[in-house]
Protein backbone atom coordinates (compact mmCIF):
# COMPACT_ATOMS: atom_id res chain seq x y z
CA MET A 1 -0.01 0.00 0.03
CA ARG A 2 2.83 2.39 0.88
CA THR A 3 4.46 1.74 -2.52
CA VAL A 4 1.20 2.53 -4.40
CA LEU A 5 0.65 5.70 -2.31
CA THR A 6 4.14 6.93 -2.98
CA PHE A 7 4.13 6.52 -6.75
CA LEU A 8 0.49 7.81 -6.90
CA SER A 9 1.34 10.96 -4.96
CA LEU A 10 4.40 11.60 -7.25
CA PHE A 11 2.27 11.02 -10.39
CA LEU A 12 -0.52 13.43 -9.16
CA PHE A 13 1.96 16.10 -8.26
CA LEU A 14 3.62 15.90 -11.71
CA VAL A 15 0.24 16.10 -13.48
CA LEU A 16 -1.62 18.57 -11.31
CA SER A 17 1.36 20.98 -11.15
CA ILE A 18 1.58 21.43 -14.92
CA PRO A 19 -0.64 24.67 -15.00
CA LEU A 20 1.68 26.21 -12.34
CA PHE A 21 4.70 25.20 -14.33
CA LEU A 22 3.38 27.04 -17.33
CA ILE A 23 2.64 30.17 -15.34
CA PHE A 24 6.09 30.21 -13.83
CA LYS A 25 7.76 29.55 -17.19
CA LEU A 26 5.99 32.72 -18.49
CA ILE A 27 7.19 34.61 -15.40
CA GLY A 28 10.75 33.29 -16.21
CA VAL A 29 10.64 35.15 -19.52
CA PHE A 30 10.81 38.39 -17.53
CA ASN A 31 12.30 37.40 -14.26
CA ARG A 32 14.48 34.18 -14.16
CA ARG A 33 15.09 34.36 -10.43
CA ALA A 34 11.33 34.66 -9.56
CA CYS A 35 10.65 31.60 -11.80
CA ALA A 36 13.33 29.61 -10.01
CA SER A 37 12.19 30.59 -6.54
CA LEU A 38 8.52 29.96 -7.15
CA SER A 39 9.30 26.63 -8.88
CA GLN A 40 11.58 25.49 -6.03
CA SER A 41 8.86 26.25 -3.51
CA VAL A 42 6.29 24.18 -5.38
CA VAL A 43 8.63 21.23 -5.96
CA ASN A 44 9.75 21.39 -2.34
CA PHE A 45 6.04 20.97 -1.33
CA GLY A 46 5.51 18.21 -3.79
CA PHE A 47 8.54 16.26 -2.70
CA ARG A 48 7.61 16.61 0.97
CA VAL A 49 4.26 15.01 0.19
CA VAL A 50 5.89 12.23 -1.69
CA LEU A 51 8.44 11.57 1.07
CA ALA A 52 5.76 11.63 3.75
CA SER A 53 3.70 9.11 1.70
CA ALA A 54 6.85 6.90 1.61
CA GLY A 55 7.22 7.16 5.42
CA VAL A 56 10.64 8.82 5.16
CA LYS A 57 11.82 10.60 8.34
CA ILE A 58 14.59 13.06 7.56
CA THR A 59 17.12 14.31 10.07
CA CYS A 60 19.03 17.34 8.65
CA LEU A 61 22.35 18.24 10.16
CA GLY A 62 24.69 21.14 9.58
CA ARG A 63 22.51 23.56 7.65
CA GLU A 64 24.13 26.32 9.61
CA ASN A 65 27.40 25.51 7.87
CA VAL A 66 26.06 26.74 4.51
CA PRO A 67 26.89 30.29 3.64
CA THR A 68 23.83 32.36 2.92
CA ASP A 69 25.50 35.29 1.13
CA ARG A 70 26.79 33.44 -1.98
CA ALA A 71 26.14 30.40 -4.21
CA VAL A 72 27.97 27.17 -3.33
CA LEU A 73 28.69 23.78 -4.88
CA TYR A 74 27.07 20.99 -2.87
CA THR A 75 28.84 17.60 -3.39
CA ALA A 76 27.17 14.44 -2.04
CA ASN A 77 27.36 10.67 -2.06
CA HIS A 78 24.72 9.05 -4.11
CA ARG A 79 22.71 6.00 -2.92
CA SER A 80 19.09 6.40 -4.13
CA TYR A 81 16.53 8.05 -6.35
CA ALA A 82 15.31 9.66 -3.09
CA ASP A 83 18.54 11.68 -2.83
CA ILE A 84 17.24 14.56 -4.97
CA PRO A 85 13.88 14.87 -3.16
CA ILE A 86 15.71 14.65 0.17
CA GLY A 87 18.21 17.30 -1.03
CA TYR A 88 15.51 19.66 -2.26
CA THR A 89 13.47 19.59 0.90
CA THR A 90 16.46 20.49 3.01
CA VAL A 91 18.75 22.60 0.93
CA PRO A 92 18.83 26.36 1.79
CA GLY A 93 18.71 28.79 -1.06
CA LEU A 94 18.03 28.48 -4.75
CA THR A 95 19.75 25.33 -6.10
CA GLY A 96 19.96 23.40 -9.31
CA PHE A 97 20.88 19.73 -9.43
CA ILE A 98 23.09 18.07 -12.04
CA ALA A 99 21.25 14.87 -13.03
CA LYS A 100 21.87 12.14 -15.61
CA LYS A 101 20.55 12.90 -19.08
CA GLN A 102 17.90 10.18 -19.02
CA ILE A 103 15.82 12.26 -16.49
CA LYS A 104 15.44 14.88 -19.29
CA ASN A 105 13.08 12.37 -20.92
CA VAL A 106 10.68 12.37 -17.99
CA PRO A 107 7.79 14.75 -18.77
CA SER A 108 6.87 17.38 -16.10
CA LEU A 109 9.70 16.39 -13.75
CA SER A 110 12.36 17.55 -16.19
CA TRP A 111 10.29 20.65 -16.99
CA TRP A 112 10.38 21.67 -13.32
CA MET A 113 14.07 20.91 -13.11
CA THR A 114 14.74 23.21 -16.03
CA ASN A 115 12.80 26.01 -14.26
CA MET A 116 15.10 25.54 -11.30
CA ASN A 117 18.34 25.77 -13.36
CA CYS A 118 19.02 21.99 -13.19
CA LEU A 119 21.34 20.53 -15.80
CA PHE A 120 21.46 17.13 -17.48
CA LEU A 121 24.78 15.34 -17.82
CA ASP A 122 25.80 12.85 -20.50
CA ARG A 123 28.46 10.81 -18.80
CA HIS A 124 29.62 9.21 -22.04
CA ASP A 125 30.03 12.42 -24.06
CA LEU A 126 33.08 14.44 -22.98
CA LYS A 127 32.17 17.39 -25.14
CA GLN A 128 28.64 17.65 -23.81
CA GLY A 129 29.89 16.97 -20.35
CA MET A 130 32.18 20.00 -20.58
CA LYS A 131 29.19 22.15 -21.75
CA THR A 132 27.31 21.05 -18.65
CA ILE A 133 30.19 22.06 -16.42
CA LEU A 134 30.44 25.43 -18.08
CA ALA A 135 26.71 25.99 -17.67
CA ALA A 136 27.04 25.09 -14.05
CA ILE A 137 29.79 27.68 -13.57
CA ASP A 138 27.57 30.27 -15.23
CA ASN A 139 24.75 29.39 -12.76
CA ILE A 140 27.10 29.76 -9.84
CA LYS A 141 28.21 33.12 -11.08
CA ALA A 142 24.55 34.14 -11.48
CA GLY A 143 23.89 33.27 -7.82
CA TYR A 144 22.35 29.85 -8.14
CA SER A 145 24.02 26.95 -6.11
CA MET A 146 24.59 23.67 -7.76
CA PHE A 147 24.27 20.14 -6.25
CA VAL A 148 26.34 17.32 -7.67
CA MET A 149 26.98 13.65 -6.91
CA PRO A 150 30.60 13.13 -8.10
CA GLU A 151 30.37 9.33 -7.87
CA GLY A 152 28.57 9.45 -11.17
CA THR A 153 26.01 6.77 -10.38
CA ARG A 154 24.06 5.30 -7.44
CA ASN A 155 26.26 3.19 -5.14
CA HIS A 156 25.08 0.94 -2.33
CA GLN A 157 28.39 -0.33 -1.13
CA ASP A 158 29.86 0.70 2.18
CA GLU A 159 32.68 2.58 0.50
CA MET A 160 32.00 5.35 -1.92
CA LEU A 161 33.14 5.22 -5.55
CA PRO A 162 36.01 7.53 -6.51
CA PHE A 163 34.89 11.05 -7.08
CA LYS A 164 35.23 12.49 -10.65
CA GLU A 165 37.71 15.31 -10.31
CA GLY A 166 36.25 17.14 -13.28
CA THR A 167 33.15 17.92 -11.28
CA PHE A 168 35.09 20.22 -9.03
CA LYS A 169 36.06 22.49 -11.95
CA ILE A 170 32.70 24.11 -11.12
CA ALA A 171 34.08 25.43 -7.82
CA LEU A 172 37.73 25.94 -9.00
CA LYS A 173 36.62 28.09 -11.97
CA SER A 174 33.76 30.05 -10.21
CA GLY A 175 35.53 30.40 -6.88
CA CYS A 176 32.55 29.29 -4.84
CA PRO A 177 32.75 27.33 -1.58
CA ILE A 178 32.27 23.52 -1.66
CA ILE A 179 29.84 22.08 0.77
CA PRO A 180 30.37 18.26 1.49
CA VAL A 181 27.07 16.52 1.90
CA ALA A 182 26.67 13.06 3.48
CA ILE A 183 23.39 11.22 2.81
CA THR A 184 22.91 8.12 5.00
CA ASN A 185 20.38 5.28 4.52
CA SER A 186 18.42 6.76 1.64
CA ASP A 187 18.57 3.49 -0.35
CA ALA A 188 16.51 1.94 2.54
CA VAL A 189 13.49 3.80 1.06
CA TYR A 190 13.49 1.81 -2.13
CA GLU A 191 16.65 0.37 -3.76
CA LEU A 192 17.44 -2.19 -1.11
CA HIS A 193 14.07 -3.94 -1.56
CA ARG A 194 12.76 -2.72 -4.88
CA PRO A 195 10.08 -2.74 -6.20
CA TRP A 196 8.69 -1.96 -2.65
CA VAL A 197 8.84 1.40 -0.85
CA ARG A 198 9.58 1.02 2.76
CA ARG A 199 9.56 3.38 5.82
CA ALA A 200 13.10 4.70 6.52
CA ASN A 201 15.17 7.08 8.73
CA VAL A 202 17.53 9.12 6.60
CA ILE A 203 20.15 11.59 7.65
CA ILE A 204 21.44 14.34 5.37
CA HIS A 205 24.45 16.16 6.79
CA TYR A 206 25.83 19.46 5.38
CA GLY A 207 29.49 19.84 6.24
CA LYS A 208 31.64 22.83 6.73
CA PRO A 209 32.64 24.78 3.57
CA VAL A 210 35.94 24.00 1.70
CA TYR A 211 37.16 27.29 0.27
CA VAL A 212 39.00 26.85 -2.92
CA GLU A 213 40.98 30.07 -2.52
CA ASP A 214 42.64 28.38 0.49
CA LEU A 215 43.93 25.57 -1.54
CA THR A 216 47.46 25.21 -2.92
CA PRO A 217 47.72 24.29 -6.65
CA GLU A 218 48.69 20.81 -5.58
CA GLU A 219 45.65 20.48 -3.30
CA ALA A 220 43.37 21.81 -5.94
CA LYS A 221 44.36 18.94 -8.24
CA THR A 222 43.15 16.32 -5.80
CA ILE A 223 40.19 18.27 -4.24
CA GLY A 224 37.70 15.49 -5.20
CA ALA A 225 39.63 12.95 -2.97
CA ARG A 226 39.81 15.45 -0.20
CA VAL A 227 36.00 16.14 -0.23
CA ARG A 228 35.41 12.42 -0.62
CA GLY A 229 37.38 11.84 2.56
CA ILE A 230 35.39 14.43 4.43
CA ILE A 231 32.08 12.94 3.33
CA ALA A 232 33.42 9.44 4.38
CA ASP A 233 34.06 10.69 7.89
CA MET A 234 30.58 12.27 8.03
CA LEU A 235 28.94 9.06 6.83
CA ALA A 236 30.75 7.03 9.56
CA GLU A 237 29.62 9.52 12.19
CA ASP A 238 26.00 9.48 10.97
CA ALA A 239 25.90 5.70 10.65
CA SER A 240 26.66 5.50 14.41
CA LEU A 241 24.02 8.10 15.14
CA LEU A 242 21.50 6.11 13.15
CA LYS A 243 22.19 2.87 15.02
CA LYS A 244 21.33 4.66 18.28
CA ARG A 245 17.78 5.37 17.16
């Protein structure tokens, strides 16, 4: 029953929200920021309903670590389809996600993502991938934070996959802070027992900023590995916290 309710709530949101999407799209012709802000508010509400239907309880840690006066690059581990809804319902400020290109083919969902300055990445096309990175840099410079998952795919192992260093060009070229983000237990919502949706406790943890201007040239070359290590420490800490509940 929970599985049906979750997918039904997602379907109804995507369908019933289309008139609002069209209105906000028109607003965006004259005011891009207003379009992004209104769209994110609506999507935030829709995702909250979907997550509540799934029985997901979210504990959000460290939001106070995120600077409020500038755009940032969020970098997170990736375990589940639920990561983006969990991110959108907790992230402060206007934010676009970088998602795999296949999501661009999902009607309504991809439309809303476009309104919110999300980008779609082709992992197998280096030229298109570079265009996506450049577009993300432009978004940062325009004041929109970006949220990326540098593992490149969902991973359910205890150890994260290596981070793709190219992702961090977004921060190195724009000069924005990097916010490490640890997401714990999100795959317990769906992936660990698909096709069923199950109740789950999830922790999303926003770490302290890494300022690229403080890095030496050598440190900048391996910034992905450094951020990965920070997130690994956060995941270990949050796994212990989750066991106590």
